[in-house]
C-alpha atoms as a PDB file:
ATOM      1  CA  MET A   1      15.460  12.265 -11.934  1.00  0.00           C
ATOM      2  CA  ILE A   2      13.589   9.709 -13.000  1.00  0.00           C
ATOM      3  CA  ASN A   3      13.917   5.736 -13.139  1.00  0.00           C
ATOM      4  CA  LYS A   4      13.097   5.683 -16.903  1.00  0.00           C
ATOM      5  CA  GLU A   5      13.512   2.072 -16.205  1.00  0.00           C
ATOM      6  CA  MET A   6       9.945   1.762 -14.047  1.00  0.00           C
ATOM      7  CA  HIS A   7       8.286   2.560 -16.937  1.00  0.00           C
ATOM      8  CA  LEU A   8       6.342   5.619 -15.072  1.00  0.00           C
ATOM      9  CA  ARG A   9       3.711   7.752 -16.370  1.00  0.00           C
ATOM     10  CA  GLU A  10       4.435  10.603 -18.298  1.00  0.00           C
ATOM     11  CA  ASP A  11       1.425  13.104 -16.509  1.00  0.00           C
ATOM     12  CA  LEU A  12       2.743  12.102 -13.711  1.00  0.00           C
ATOM     13  CA  PHE A  13       4.004  15.785 -12.586  1.00  0.00           C
ATOM     14  CA  SER A  14       0.838  17.062 -13.920  1.00  0.00           C
ATOM     15  CA  ALA A  15      -0.551  20.010 -11.793  1.00  0.00           C
ATOM     16  CA  LYS A  16      -3.642  19.157 -11.987  1.00  0.00           C
ATOM     17  CA  GLY A  17      -5.843  16.599 -11.006  1.00  0.00           C
ATOM     18  CA  GLY A  18      -7.355  14.619 -13.471  1.00  0.00           C
ATOM     19  CA  SER A  19     -10.136  12.008 -13.894  1.00  0.00           C
ATOM     20  CA  ALA A  20      -9.998   8.006 -15.485  1.00  0.00           C
ATOM     21  CA  SER A  21     -11.755   9.890 -18.683  1.00  0.00           C
ATOM     22  CA  GLY A  22      -9.239  11.802 -19.054  1.00  0.00           C
ATOM     23  CA  GLY A  23      -8.902  16.067 -18.156  1.00  0.00           C
ATOM     24  CA  ASP A  24      -5.284  17.463 -17.574  1.00  0.00           C
ATOM     25  CA  GLY A  25      -3.456  16.706 -15.182  1.00  0.00           C
ATOM     26  CA  PRO A  26      -1.973  12.799 -13.848  1.00  0.00           C
ATOM     27  CA  THR A  27      -5.287   9.896 -13.984  1.00  0.00           C
ATOM     28  CA  MET A  28      -7.318   9.617 -10.687  1.00  0.00           C
ATOM     29  CA  VAL A  29      -8.441   6.297  -9.970  1.00  0.00           C
ATOM     30  CA  PRO A  30      -8.848   4.748  -6.783  1.00  0.00           C
ATOM     31  CA  THR A  31      -6.735   1.495  -5.622  1.00  0.00           C
ATOM     32  CA  ARG A  32      -9.624  -0.310  -4.421  1.00  0.00           C
ATOM     33  CA  ASN A  33     -10.133  -0.448  -8.735  1.00  0.00           C
ATOM     34  CA  GLY A  34      -6.642  -2.131  -9.623  1.00  0.00           C
ATOM     35  CA  PHE A  35      -7.531  -5.222  -6.865  1.00  0.00           C
ATOM     36  CA  GLY A  36     -11.153  -5.092  -8.903  1.00  0.00           C
ATOM     37  CA  LYS A  37      -9.240  -5.517 -12.535  1.00  0.00           C
ATOM     38  CA  GLY A  38      -6.858  -7.845 -11.220  1.00  0.00           C
ATOM     39  CA  VAL A  39      -9.174 -10.633  -9.331  1.00  0.00           C
ATOM     40  CA  VAL A  40     -11.223 -10.950 -12.938  1.00  0.00           C
ATOM     41  CA  GLU A  41      -8.705 -11.147 -14.586  1.00  0.00           C
ATOM     42  CA  ALA A  42      -6.560 -13.931 -11.581  1.00  0.00           C
ATOM     43  CA  GLY A  43      -9.955 -15.935 -11.537  1.00  0.00           C
ATOM     44  CA  ARG A  44      -9.637 -16.115 -16.426  1.00  0.00           C
ATOM     45  CA  ALA A  45      -6.565 -17.395 -15.471  1.00  0.00           C
ATOM     46  CA  ASP A  46      -6.996 -20.086 -12.830  1.00  0.00           C
ATOM     47  CA  VAL A  47     -10.639 -21.552 -11.903  1.00  0.00           C
ATOM     48  CA  ARG A  48      -9.133 -22.405  -8.011  1.00  0.00           C
ATOM     49  CA  VAL A  49      -9.500 -18.624  -7.980  1.00  0.00           C
ATOM     50  CA  VAL A  50     -12.571 -17.395  -5.818  1.00  0.00           C
ATOM     51  CA  VAL A  51     -14.080 -14.626  -3.695  1.00  0.00           C
ATOM     52  CA  LEU A  52     -16.199 -13.495  -0.735  1.00  0.00           C
ATOM     53  CA  SER A  53     -17.232 -11.026   0.333  1.00  0.00           C
ATOM     54  CA  ALA A  54     -18.902  -8.818   3.685  1.00  0.00           C
ATOM     55  CA  ASP A  55     -21.763  -7.352   2.176  1.00  0.00           C
ATOM     56  CA  LEU A  56     -19.545  -5.300   0.487  1.00  0.00           C
ATOM     57  CA  ALA A  57     -19.333  -5.998  -3.078  1.00  0.00           C
ATOM     58  CA  GLU A  58     -19.928  -3.093  -4.956  1.00  0.00           C
ATOM     59  CA  SER A  59     -17.701  -0.655  -2.650  1.00  0.00           C
ATOM     60  CA  THR A  60     -14.523  -3.739  -2.100  1.00  0.00           C
ATOM     61  CA  ARG A  61     -15.140  -3.685  -6.231  1.00  0.00           C
ATOM     62  CA  ALA A  62     -15.635  -7.201  -5.771  1.00  0.00           C
ATOM     63  CA  ASP A  63     -18.867  -7.252  -7.736  1.00  0.00           C
ATOM     64  CA  ALA A  64     -16.469  -7.312 -10.563  1.00  0.00           C
ATOM     65  CA  PHE A  65     -15.820 -10.789  -9.847  1.00  0.00           C
ATOM     66  CA  GLN A  66     -19.609 -11.723  -9.024  1.00  0.00           C
ATOM     67  CA  LYS A  67     -20.839 -10.848 -12.302  1.00  0.00           C
ATOM     68  CA  GLU A  68     -18.686 -12.530 -14.659  1.00  0.00           C
ATOM     69  CA  PHE A  69     -17.931 -15.712 -12.352  1.00  0.00           C
ATOM     70  CA  PRO A  70     -21.546 -15.731  -9.888  1.00  0.00           C
ATOM     71  CA  GLU A  71     -20.543 -18.893  -9.465  1.00  0.00           C
ATOM     72  CA  ARG A  72     -16.920 -19.154  -7.438  1.00  0.00           C
ATOM     73  CA  PHE A  73     -18.870 -15.686  -5.571  1.00  0.00           C
ATOM     74  CA  VAL A  74     -19.836 -16.655  -1.598  1.00  0.00           C
ATOM     75  CA  GLU A  75     -21.731 -13.410   0.170  1.00  0.00           C
ATOM     76  CA  VAL A  76     -21.329 -14.356   3.685  1.00  0.00           C
ATOM     77  CA  GLY A  77     -23.194 -11.544   4.516  1.00  0.00           C
ATOM     78  CA  VAL A  78     -21.914  -8.853   8.185  1.00  0.00           C
ATOM     79  CA  ALA A  79     -19.468 -11.432   9.363  1.00  0.00           C
ATOM     80  CA  GLU A  80     -16.547 -10.834   9.359  1.00  0.00           C
ATOM     81  CA  GLN A  81     -14.995 -13.799  11.125  1.00  0.00           C
ATOM     82  CA  ASN A  82     -17.124 -16.896   9.313  1.00  0.00           C
ATOM     83  CA  MET A  83     -15.249 -15.357   6.264  1.00  0.00           C
ATOM     84  CA  ALA A  84     -11.948 -15.968   7.211  1.00  0.00           C
ATOM     85  CA  THR A  85     -12.850 -19.315   8.849  1.00  0.00           C
ATOM     86  CA  VAL A  86     -15.083 -20.290   5.747  1.00  0.00           C
ATOM     87  CA  ALA A  87     -12.259 -19.440   3.448  1.00  0.00           C
ATOM     88  CA  ALA A  88      -9.229 -20.995   5.119  1.00  0.00           C
ATOM     89  CA  GLY A  89     -11.600 -23.723   4.642  1.00  0.00           C
ATOM     90  CA  MET A  90     -12.032 -23.249   0.933  1.00  0.00           C
ATOM     91  CA  ALA A  91      -8.376 -22.938   0.461  1.00  0.00           C
ATOM     92  CA  ALA A  92      -7.375 -26.028   2.585  1.00  0.00           C
ATOM     93  CA  PHE A  93      -8.818 -28.452  -0.810  1.00  0.00           C
ATOM     94  CA  GLY A  94      -7.377 -26.224  -2.619  1.00  0.00           C
ATOM     95  CA  LYS A  95      -9.257 -23.291  -3.584  1.00  0.00           C
ATOM     96  CA  ILE A  96      -7.843 -19.687  -3.777  1.00  0.00           C
ATOM     97  CA  PRO A  97      -9.675 -17.272  -1.627  1.00  0.00           C
ATOM     98  CA  PHE A  98      -9.963 -13.575  -1.559  1.00  0.00           C
ATOM     99  CA  ILE A  99     -11.871 -12.443   1.392  1.00  0.00           C
ATOM    100  CA  THR A 100     -12.972  -8.646   1.088  1.00  0.00           C
ATOM    101  CA  SER A 101     -14.214  -5.693   3.734  1.00  0.00           C
ATOM    102  CA  TYR A 102     -13.504  -2.462   5.077  1.00  0.00           C
ATOM    103  CA  ALA A 103      -9.563  -2.643   6.384  1.00  0.00           C
ATOM    104  CA  THR A 104     -11.560  -1.720   9.485  1.00  0.00           C
ATOM    105  CA  PHE A 105     -13.753  -5.317   9.541  1.00  0.00           C
ATOM    106  CA  SER A 106     -10.997  -7.655   7.248  1.00  0.00           C
ATOM    107  CA  PRO A 107      -8.724  -7.513   9.056  1.00  0.00           C
ATOM    108  CA  GLY A 108      -9.757  -5.198  12.324  1.00  0.00           C
ATOM    109  CA  ARG A 109     -12.511  -7.541  13.429  1.00  0.00           C
ATOM    110  CA  ASN A 110     -11.545 -11.285  12.131  1.00  0.00           C
ATOM    111  CA  TRP A 111      -7.285 -10.502  13.143  1.00  0.00           C
ATOM    112  CA  GLU A 112      -8.018 -13.756  15.690  1.00  0.00           C
ATOM    113  CA  GLN A 113      -9.914 -15.885  12.974  1.00  0.00           C
ATOM    114  CA  ILE A 114      -6.964 -15.301  10.292  1.00  0.00           C
ATOM    115  CA  ARG A 115      -4.323 -15.151  12.700  1.00  0.00           C
ATOM    116  CA  THR A 116      -5.749 -19.019  13.568  1.00  0.00           C
ATOM    117  CA  THR A 117      -6.623 -20.680  11.020  1.00  0.00           C
ATOM    118  CA  ALA A 118      -4.717 -18.934   7.454  1.00  0.00           C
ATOM    119  CA  ALA A 119      -1.517 -18.449   8.733  1.00  0.00           C
ATOM    120  CA  ILE A 120      -0.487 -20.631  11.719  1.00  0.00           C
ATOM    121  CA  ASN A 121      -1.923 -23.290   9.126  1.00  0.00           C
ATOM    122  CA  ASN A 122       0.329 -21.221   5.662  1.00  0.00           C
ATOM    123  CA  MET A 123      -2.926 -21.244   4.110  1.00  0.00           C
ATOM    124  CA  PRO A 124      -3.258 -18.824   1.393  1.00  0.00           C
ATOM    125  CA  VAL A 125      -5.245 -16.521   1.640  1.00  0.00           C
ATOM    126  CA  LYS A 126      -5.522 -13.510   0.538  1.00  0.00           C
ATOM    127  CA  VAL A 127      -7.015 -10.264   2.845  1.00  0.00           C
ATOM    128  CA  CYS A 128      -8.129  -7.991   0.542  1.00  0.00           C
ATOM    129  CA  GLY A 129      -8.644  -4.318   3.117  1.00  0.00           C
ATOM    130  CA  MET A 130     -10.370  -1.533   1.518  1.00  0.00           C
ATOM    131  CA  HIS A 131     -10.851   1.625   2.349  1.00  0.00           C
ATOM    132  CA  ALA A 132      -7.172   1.920   4.982  1.00  0.00           C
ATOM    133  CA  GLY A 133      -5.697   4.927   5.911  1.00  0.00           C
ATOM    134  CA  LEU A 134      -7.327   7.920   6.602  1.00  0.00           C
ATOM    135  CA  LEU A 135      -8.309   8.453   2.930  1.00  0.00           C
ATOM    136  CA  THR A 136     -12.561   7.375   3.374  1.00  0.00           C
ATOM    137  CA  GLY A 137     -12.995  10.760   4.379  1.00  0.00           C
ATOM    138  CA  PRO A 138     -16.402  11.657   6.080  1.00  0.00           C
ATOM    139  CA  ASP A 139     -16.510   8.429   7.687  1.00  0.00           C
ATOM    140  CA  GLY A 140     -14.375   9.357  10.362  1.00  0.00           C
ATOM    141  CA  ALA A 141     -12.731   7.125  12.702  1.00  0.00           C
ATOM    142  CA  THR A 142     -13.729   4.232  12.848  1.00  0.00           C
ATOM    143  CA  HIS A 143     -13.527   3.188   9.015  1.00  0.00           C
ATOM    144  CA  GLN A 144     -10.569   5.102   8.462  1.00  0.00           C
ATOM    145  CA  ALA A 145      -7.787   1.524   9.528  1.00  0.00           C
ATOM    146  CA  LEU A 146      -4.771   3.217   9.994  1.00  0.00           C
ATOM    147  CA  GLU A 147      -3.142   0.122  12.575  1.00  0.00           C
ATOM    148  CA  ASP A 148      -4.175  -2.240   9.627  1.00  0.00           C
ATOM    149  CA  ILE A 149      -0.437  -2.847   8.147  1.00  0.00           C
ATOM    150  CA  ALA A 150       0.655  -3.816  12.062  1.00  0.00           C
ATOM    151  CA  LEU A 151      -1.933  -6.130  12.646  1.00  0.00           C
ATOM    152  CA  MET A 152      -0.975  -8.430   9.453  1.00  0.00           C
ATOM    153  CA  ARG A 153       2.786  -7.760   9.059  1.00  0.00           C
ATOM    154  CA  ALA A 154       3.360  -9.128  13.079  1.00  0.00           C
ATOM    155  CA  MET A 155       1.799 -12.051  11.797  1.00  0.00           C
ATOM    156  CA  PRO A 156       4.402 -15.330  10.867  1.00  0.00           C
ATOM    157  CA  ASN A 157       3.122 -16.205   7.474  1.00  0.00           C
ATOM    158  CA  MET A 158       1.790 -13.333   6.217  1.00  0.00           C
ATOM    159  CA  ILE A 159       3.243 -11.148   3.331  1.00  0.00           C
ATOM    160  CA  VAL A 160       2.071  -7.871   3.936  1.00  0.00           C
ATOM    161  CA  ILE A 161       1.450  -5.261   0.262  1.00  0.00           C
ATOM    162  CA  SER A 162       0.013  -1.714   0.528  1.00  0.00           C
ATOM    163  CA  PRO A 163       0.537  -1.198  -3.813  1.00  0.00           C
ATOM    164  CA  CYS A 164       1.429   2.719  -4.749  1.00  0.00           C
ATOM    165  CA  ASP A 165      -1.905   2.783  -7.352  1.00  0.00           C
ATOM    166  CA  ALA A 166      -4.726   1.631  -9.097  1.00  0.00           C
ATOM    167  CA  GLU A 167      -2.278  -0.117 -11.840  1.00  0.00           C
ATOM    168  CA  GLU A 168       0.389  -1.693  -8.641  1.00  0.00           C
ATOM    169  CA  GLY A 169      -2.944  -2.729  -7.128  1.00  0.00           C
ATOM    170  CA  ARG A 170      -4.128  -4.907  -9.659  1.00  0.00           C
ATOM    171  CA  ARG A 171      -0.600  -6.812 -10.863  1.00  0.00           C
ATOM    172  CA  ALA A 172      -0.448  -7.090  -6.303  1.00  0.00           C
ATOM    173  CA  THR A 173      -3.381  -8.465  -7.007  1.00  0.00           C
ATOM    174  CA  LEU A 174      -2.258 -10.951 -10.043  1.00  0.00           C
ATOM    175  CA  ALA A 175       1.258 -11.832  -7.993  1.00  0.00           C
ATOM    176  CA  ALA A 176      -1.044 -12.720  -4.617  1.00  0.00           C
ATOM    177  CA  ALA A 177      -2.781 -14.847  -6.282  1.00  0.00           C
ATOM    178  CA  LYS A 178       0.613 -17.409  -7.738  1.00  0.00           C
ATOM    179  CA  THR A 179       2.324 -17.571  -3.936  1.00  0.00           C
ATOM    180  CA  GLY A 180       0.134 -20.002  -2.247  1.00  0.00           C
ATOM    181  CA  THR A 181       0.865 -18.261   0.901  1.00  0.00           C
ATOM    182  CA  PRO A 182      -1.332 -15.742   3.022  1.00  0.00           C
ATOM    183  CA  VAL A 183      -1.750 -12.330   1.753  1.00  0.00           C
ATOM    184  CA  TYR A 184      -2.184  -8.480   2.938  1.00  0.00           C
ATOM    185  CA  LEU A 185      -3.393  -6.476   0.551  1.00  0.00           C
ATOM    186  CA  ARG A 186      -4.068  -2.806   1.254  1.00  0.00           C
ATOM    187  CA  PHE A 187      -6.146  -0.621  -0.255  1.00  0.00           C
ATOM    188  CA  GLY A 188      -8.466   3.276  -0.514  1.00  0.00           C
ATOM    189  CA  ARG A 189     -11.271   5.183  -1.101  1.00  0.00           C
ATOM    190  CA  ASP A 190     -10.802   7.865  -2.765  1.00  0.00           C
ATOM    191  CA  LYS A 191      -9.419   8.663  -6.244  1.00  0.00           C
ATOM    192  CA  THR A 192      -5.423   8.800  -6.134  1.00  0.00           C
ATOM    193  CA  PRO A 193      -2.038   8.752  -9.092  1.00  0.00           C
ATOM    194  CA  VAL A 194      -1.858   6.653 -11.279  1.00  0.00           C
ATOM    195  CA  MET A 195       2.044   6.630 -11.494  1.00  0.00           C
ATOM    196  CA  THR A 196       2.668   3.566 -13.246  1.00  0.00           C
ATOM    197  CA  THR A 197       2.133   1.735 -16.184  1.00  0.00           C
ATOM    198  CA  PRO A 198       1.567  -2.343 -16.868  1.00  0.00           C
ATOM    199  CA  GLU A 199       5.135  -2.039 -18.068  1.00  0.00           C
ATOM    200  CA  THR A 200       6.074  -0.564 -14.726  1.00  0.00           C
ATOM    201  CA  PRO A 201       8.504  -3.773 -13.179  1.00  0.00           C
ATOM    202  CA  PHE A 202       6.455  -5.736  -9.999  1.00  0.00           C
ATOM    203  CA  GLU A 203       7.803  -8.674  -7.874  1.00  0.00           C
ATOM    204  CA  ILE A 204       6.460  -8.942  -4.616  1.00  0.00           C
ATOM    205  CA  GLY A 205       9.691  -8.010  -1.998  1.00  0.00           C
ATOM    206  CA  LYS A 206      11.481  -6.223  -4.423  1.00  0.00           C
ATOM    207  CA  ALA A 207      11.033  -2.153  -3.539  1.00  0.00           C
ATOM    208  CA  GLN A 208      12.041   0.138  -6.797  1.00  0.00           C
ATOM    209  CA  VAL A 209      13.571   3.127  -7.127  1.00  0.00           C
ATOM    210  CA  PHE A 210      11.440   5.797  -8.807  1.00  0.00           C
ATOM    211  CA  TRP A 211      13.371   9.076  -8.646  1.00  0.00           C
ATOM    212  CA  LYS A 212      16.852   9.175  -8.137  1.00  0.00           C
ATOM    213  CA  SER A 213      19.517  12.593  -7.977  1.00  0.00           C
ATOM    214  CA  ASN A 214      22.885  12.085  -8.697  1.00  0.00           C
ATOM    215  CA  ASN A 215      24.053  12.450  -5.280  1.00  0.00           C
ATOM    216  CA  PRO A 216      20.997  11.922  -3.315  1.00  0.00           C
ATOM    217  CA  LYS A 217      22.128  12.933   0.419  1.00  0.00           C
ATOM    218  CA  VAL A 218      18.775  11.415   1.742  1.00  0.00           C
ATOM    219  CA  ALA A 219      16.404   8.167   0.786  1.00  0.00           C
ATOM    220  CA  VAL A 220      13.088   8.638   0.949  1.00  0.00           C
ATOM    221  CA  PHE A 221      10.944   4.991   1.677  1.00  0.00           C
ATOM    222  CA  ALA A 222       7.533   5.346   0.813  1.00  0.00           C
ATOM    223  CA  THR A 223       4.396   3.847   0.576  1.00  0.00           C
ATOM    224  CA  GLY A 224       0.973   3.670  -1.385  1.00  0.00           C
ATOM    225  CA  HIS A 225      -0.638   6.051  -2.923  1.00  0.00           C
ATOM    226  CA  LEU A 226       1.978   8.894  -0.609  1.00  0.00           C
ATOM    227  CA  VAL A 227       4.696   7.234  -2.998  1.00  0.00           C
ATOM    228  CA  HIS A 228       3.227  10.691  -5.597  1.00  0.00           C
ATOM    229  CA  SER A 229       3.272  13.335  -2.586  1.00  0.00           C
ATOM    230  CA  ALA A 230       6.975  11.592  -2.257  1.00  0.00           C
ATOM    231  CA  LEU A 231       8.019  12.405  -6.066  1.00  0.00           C
ATOM    232  CA  LEU A 232       6.772  15.884  -5.614  1.00  0.00           C
ATOM    233  CA  ALA A 233       8.905  16.924  -2.659  1.00  0.00           C
ATOM    234  CA  ALA A 234      11.723  15.468  -4.669  1.00  0.00           C
ATOM    235  CA  ARG A 235      11.895  17.969  -7.751  1.00  0.00           C
ATOM    236  CA  GLU A 236      10.643  21.110  -5.081  1.00  0.00           C
ATOM    237  CA  LEU A 237      13.840  19.735  -3.411  1.00  0.00           C
ATOM    238  CA  GLU A 238      15.913  19.273  -6.605  1.00  0.00           C
ATOM    239  CA  GLY A 239      14.996  22.759  -8.182  1.00  0.00           C
ATOM    240  CA  LYS A 240      17.324  24.075  -4.687  1.00  0.00           C
ATOM    241  CA  GLY A 241      19.893  22.212  -4.766  1.00  0.00           C
ATOM    242  CA  ILE A 242      19.208  18.975  -2.934  1.00  0.00           C
ATOM    243  CA  GLY A 243      19.071  15.285  -4.456  1.00  0.00           C
ATOM    244  CA  THR A 244      16.530  12.390  -3.699  1.00  0.00           C
ATOM    245  CA  ALA A 245      16.004   9.601  -3.831  1.00  0.00           C
ATOM    246  CA  VAL A 246      12.295   8.143  -4.077  1.00  0.00           C
ATOM    247  CA  VAL A 247      11.487   4.273  -3.507  1.00  0.00           C
ATOM    248  CA  ASN A 248       7.693   2.882  -3.297  1.00  0.00           C
ATOM    249  CA  VAL A 249       7.991   0.273  -0.929  1.00  0.00           C
ATOM    250  CA  HIS A 250       4.602  -1.842  -1.991  1.00  0.00           C
ATOM    251  CA  THR A 251       5.915  -4.711  -0.496  1.00  0.00           C
ATOM    252  CA  ILE A 252       6.104  -3.782   3.322  1.00  0.00           C
ATOM    253  CA  LYS A 253       6.346  -7.903   4.067  1.00  0.00           C
ATOM    254  CA  PRO A 254       9.170  -8.753   3.665  1.00  0.00           C
ATOM    255  CA  LEU A 255      10.606  -5.541   3.314  1.00  0.00           C
ATOM    256  CA  ASP A 256      13.987  -5.076   0.287  1.00  0.00           C
ATOM    257  CA  LYS A 257      16.600  -5.110   3.074  1.00  0.00           C
ATOM    258  CA  ASP A 258      19.365  -5.201   0.065  1.00  0.00           C
ATOM    259  CA  LEU A 259      18.165  -2.135  -1.367  1.00  0.00           C
ATOM    260  CA  ILE A 260      16.538  -0.102   2.436  1.00  0.00           C
ATOM    261  CA  VAL A 261      20.467  -0.449   3.445  1.00  0.00           C
ATOM    262  CA  SER A 262      22.149   0.561   0.237  1.00  0.00           C
ATOM    263  CA  LEU A 263      20.348   3.293  -0.810  1.00  0.00           C
ATOM    264  CA  ALA A 264      20.380   3.896   3.856  1.00  0.00           C
ATOM    265  CA  ARG A 265      24.758   3.573   3.078  1.00  0.00           C
ATOM    266  CA  GLU A 266      24.601   5.969   0.312  1.00  0.00           C
ATOM    267  CA  THR A 267      23.122   8.461   1.161  1.00  0.00           C
ATOM    268  CA  GLY A 268      23.984   8.261   4.634  1.00  0.00           C
ATOM    269  CA  SER A 269      19.591  10.344   5.519  1.00  0.00           C
ATOM    270  CA  VAL A 270      16.276   8.718   5.737  1.00  0.00           C
ATOM    271  CA  VAL A 271      12.379   9.361   5.945  1.00  0.00           C
ATOM    272  CA  THR A 272       9.520   6.936   5.684  1.00  0.00           C
ATOM    273  CA  VAL A 273       6.461   8.464   3.686  1.00  0.00           C
ATOM    274  CA  GLU A 274       2.586   6.257   4.624  1.00  0.00           C
ATOM    275  CA  GLU A 275      -0.891   6.905   5.518  1.00  0.00           C
ATOM    276  CA  HIS A 276      -0.735   4.900   9.058  1.00  0.00           C
ATOM    277  CA  GLN A 277       1.089   4.462  11.932  1.00  0.00           C
ATOM    278  CA  ILE A 278       4.443   5.019  11.972  1.00  0.00           C
ATOM    279  CA  ALA A 279       4.398   2.572  14.907  1.00  0.00           C
ATOM    280  CA  GLY A 280       3.847  -0.746  13.439  1.00  0.00           C
ATOM    281  CA  GLY A 281       4.290   0.716  10.056  1.00  0.00           C
ATOM    282  CA  LEU A 282       6.888   1.126   6.824  1.00  0.00           C
ATOM    283  CA  GLY A 283       8.592   3.589   9.591  1.00  0.00           C
ATOM    284  CA  GLY A 284       9.067   0.754  12.226  1.00  0.00           C
ATOM    285  CA  ALA A 285      10.111  -1.286   9.786  1.00  0.00           C
ATOM    286  CA  ILE A 286      12.664   0.454   8.320  1.00  0.00           C
ATOM    287  CA  ALA A 287      14.181   1.426  11.709  1.00  0.00           C
ATOM    288  CA  GLU A 288      13.756  -2.381  13.026  1.00  0.00           C
ATOM    289  CA  LEU A 289      15.692  -2.609  10.187  1.00  0.00           C
ATOM    290  CA  LEU A 290      18.217  -0.112  10.325  1.00  0.00           C
ATOM    291  CA  ALA A 291      19.653  -0.693  14.114  1.00  0.00           C
ATOM    292  CA  GLN A 292      20.387  -4.012  12.827  1.00  0.00           C
ATOM    293  CA  GLU A 293      22.649  -3.720   9.434  1.00  0.00           C
ATOM    294  CA  CYS A 294      22.918  -0.164   8.988  1.00  0.00           C
ATOM    295  CA  PRO A 295      22.469   2.821  12.398  1.00  0.00           C
ATOM    296  CA  THR A 296      21.228   5.888  10.430  1.00  0.00           C
ATOM    297  CA  PRO A 297      19.593   9.079  11.636  1.00  0.00           C
ATOM    298  CA  ILE A 298      15.553   8.665  10.353  1.00  0.00           C
ATOM    299  CA  GLU A 299      13.157  10.907  10.521  1.00  0.00           C
ATOM    300  CA  PHE A 300       9.092   9.548   9.811  1.00  0.00           C
ATOM    301  CA  VAL A 301       6.049  11.265   7.856  1.00  0.00           C
ATOM    302  CA  GLY A 302       2.694   9.127   9.279  1.00  0.00           C
ATOM    303  CA  VAL A 303       0.104   8.906  11.771  1.00  0.00           C
ATOM    304  CA  GLN A 304       1.481  10.694  15.131  1.00  0.00           C
ATOM    305  CA  ASP A 305      -0.505   8.228  17.553  1.00  0.00           C
ATOM    306  CA  LYS A 306      -4.311   8.900  16.654  1.00  0.00           C
ATOM    307  CA  PHE A 307      -6.889   7.964  15.266  1.00  0.00           C
ATOM    308  CA  GLY A 308      -8.580   9.596  11.962  1.00  0.00           C
ATOM    309  CA  GLN A 309     -11.887  12.194  11.730  1.00  0.00           C
ATOM    310  CA  SER A 310     -14.194  13.254   9.111  1.00  0.00           C
ATOM    311  CA  GLY A 311     -12.894  15.417   6.776  1.00  0.00           C
ATOM    312  CA  GLU A 312     -12.411  15.797   3.207  1.00  0.00           C
ATOM    313  CA  PRO A 313      -9.778  13.610   1.990  1.00  0.00           C
ATOM    314  CA  LYS A 314      -7.177  16.748   1.355  1.00  0.00           C
ATOM    315  CA  GLU A 315      -7.957  17.988   4.556  1.00  0.00           C
ATOM    316  CA  LEU A 316      -6.685  15.189   6.545  1.00  0.00           C
ATOM    317  CA  LEU A 317      -3.752  14.236   5.107  1.00  0.00           C
ATOM    318  CA  GLU A 318      -2.137  18.194   5.775  1.00  0.00           C
ATOM    319  CA  ALA A 319      -4.101  17.556   9.872  1.00  0.00           C
ATOM    320  CA  TYR A 320      -1.831  15.153   9.606  1.00  0.00           C
ATOM    321  CA  GLY A 321       1.354  16.059   8.750  1.00  0.00           C
ATOM    322  CA  LEU A 322       0.505  14.243   5.448  1.00  0.00           C
ATOM    323  CA  GLY A 323       0.827  16.866   3.161  1.00  0.00           C
ATOM    324  CA  VAL A 324       4.296  17.196   0.216  1.00  0.00           C
ATOM    325  CA  SER A 325       5.335  20.226   2.779  1.00  0.00           C
ATOM    326  CA  HIS A 326       5.235  17.934   5.714  1.00  0.00           C
ATOM    327  CA  ILE A 327       7.775  15.758   3.579  1.00  0.00           C
ATOM    328  CA  ILE A 328      10.006  18.139   2.244  1.00  0.00           C
ATOM    329  CA  GLU A 329      10.317  19.194   6.043  1.00  0.00           C
ATOM    330  CA  ALA A 330      11.484  15.651   6.931  1.00  0.00           C
ATOM    331  CA  ILE A 331      14.701  15.738   4.782  1.00  0.00           C
ATOM    332  CA  LYS A 332      15.381  18.374   5.010  1.00  0.00           C
ATOM    333  CA  LYS A 333      15.271  17.428   9.045  1.00  0.00           C
ATOM    334  CA  ALA A 334      16.904  14.346   8.602  1.00  0.00           C
ATOM    335  CA  LEU A 335      19.730  16.567   6.491  1.00  0.00           C
ATOM    336  CA  ALA A 336      19.951  18.823  10.035  1.00  0.00           C
ATOM    337  CA  ARG A 337      20.569  15.749  11.911  1.00  0.00           C
ATOM    338  CA  ARG A 338      24.320  15.472  10.266  1.00  0.00           C
ATOM    339  CA  GLY A 339      25.017  19.419   9.887  1.00  0.00           C
ATOM    340  CA  ILE A 340      23.827  20.077   5.573  1.00  0.00           C
END
């Protein structure tokens, strides 16, 4: 059942896809739009907030900040490595810089500069990787970051956040501005369902149970927009007498260890869901945790050691095994491993 304490949207399970302006179905907004709104709010709240762009202000939604605070916006051009280094220097002198580009370029191209100038020195640089995952669609493999979580999760001092929707992206941006540490924020290009509201709780490092049956047999840990697909799978299985718990793991580092271990013990089976390589992503992180704390049968829904390709977003999700039917199949496999 939907957790009412999470204050999720009423149109969460509408059959048709809607739009930001209304219509049938859930509201559909790119998570990057949440960053655009959130960073403007952060800028209004704290004059130390600055934004740097690598020639992609409109695509990353950094242009919203540029219009409101032109004196606190820096366009560095096609120079992602320089952008990271300049931001670390600004952070060393008291600024709170957000650096913006496509995730394949930042942190993909400038990983070493982020590591050396920001992470090693624990500077509060906020790395905003846009167009992450497969949903860049026709742009293809070169622009589909499927390894970015792994890159940043392995970096000491780095917080890693993957918002489930645009509203959570807004709140994650506001929270990141206050950490005093490096943060990686992952955002998508395509319109995806808005599940949360301004009243939905958000705290870095605290996962959220969005759905829980009376007697769950599988815990589904999902991140990013695929949380919605996990909820659709849970609702379908509920009608067939298969109880689940669906958890929004918006913070991949640090993980909410207590909640994850507790649900693994309660249910006895685990499924992870992500639009990222399984290796080094959410699935890898949870597997590492449970191997130490609570060995549990686990199935992984994610990209299976492949690069992306050009295609329509919905087609790509199906082709890479990330659809609702694939989540249902993984849940059934997890149960079958326990003889259920």
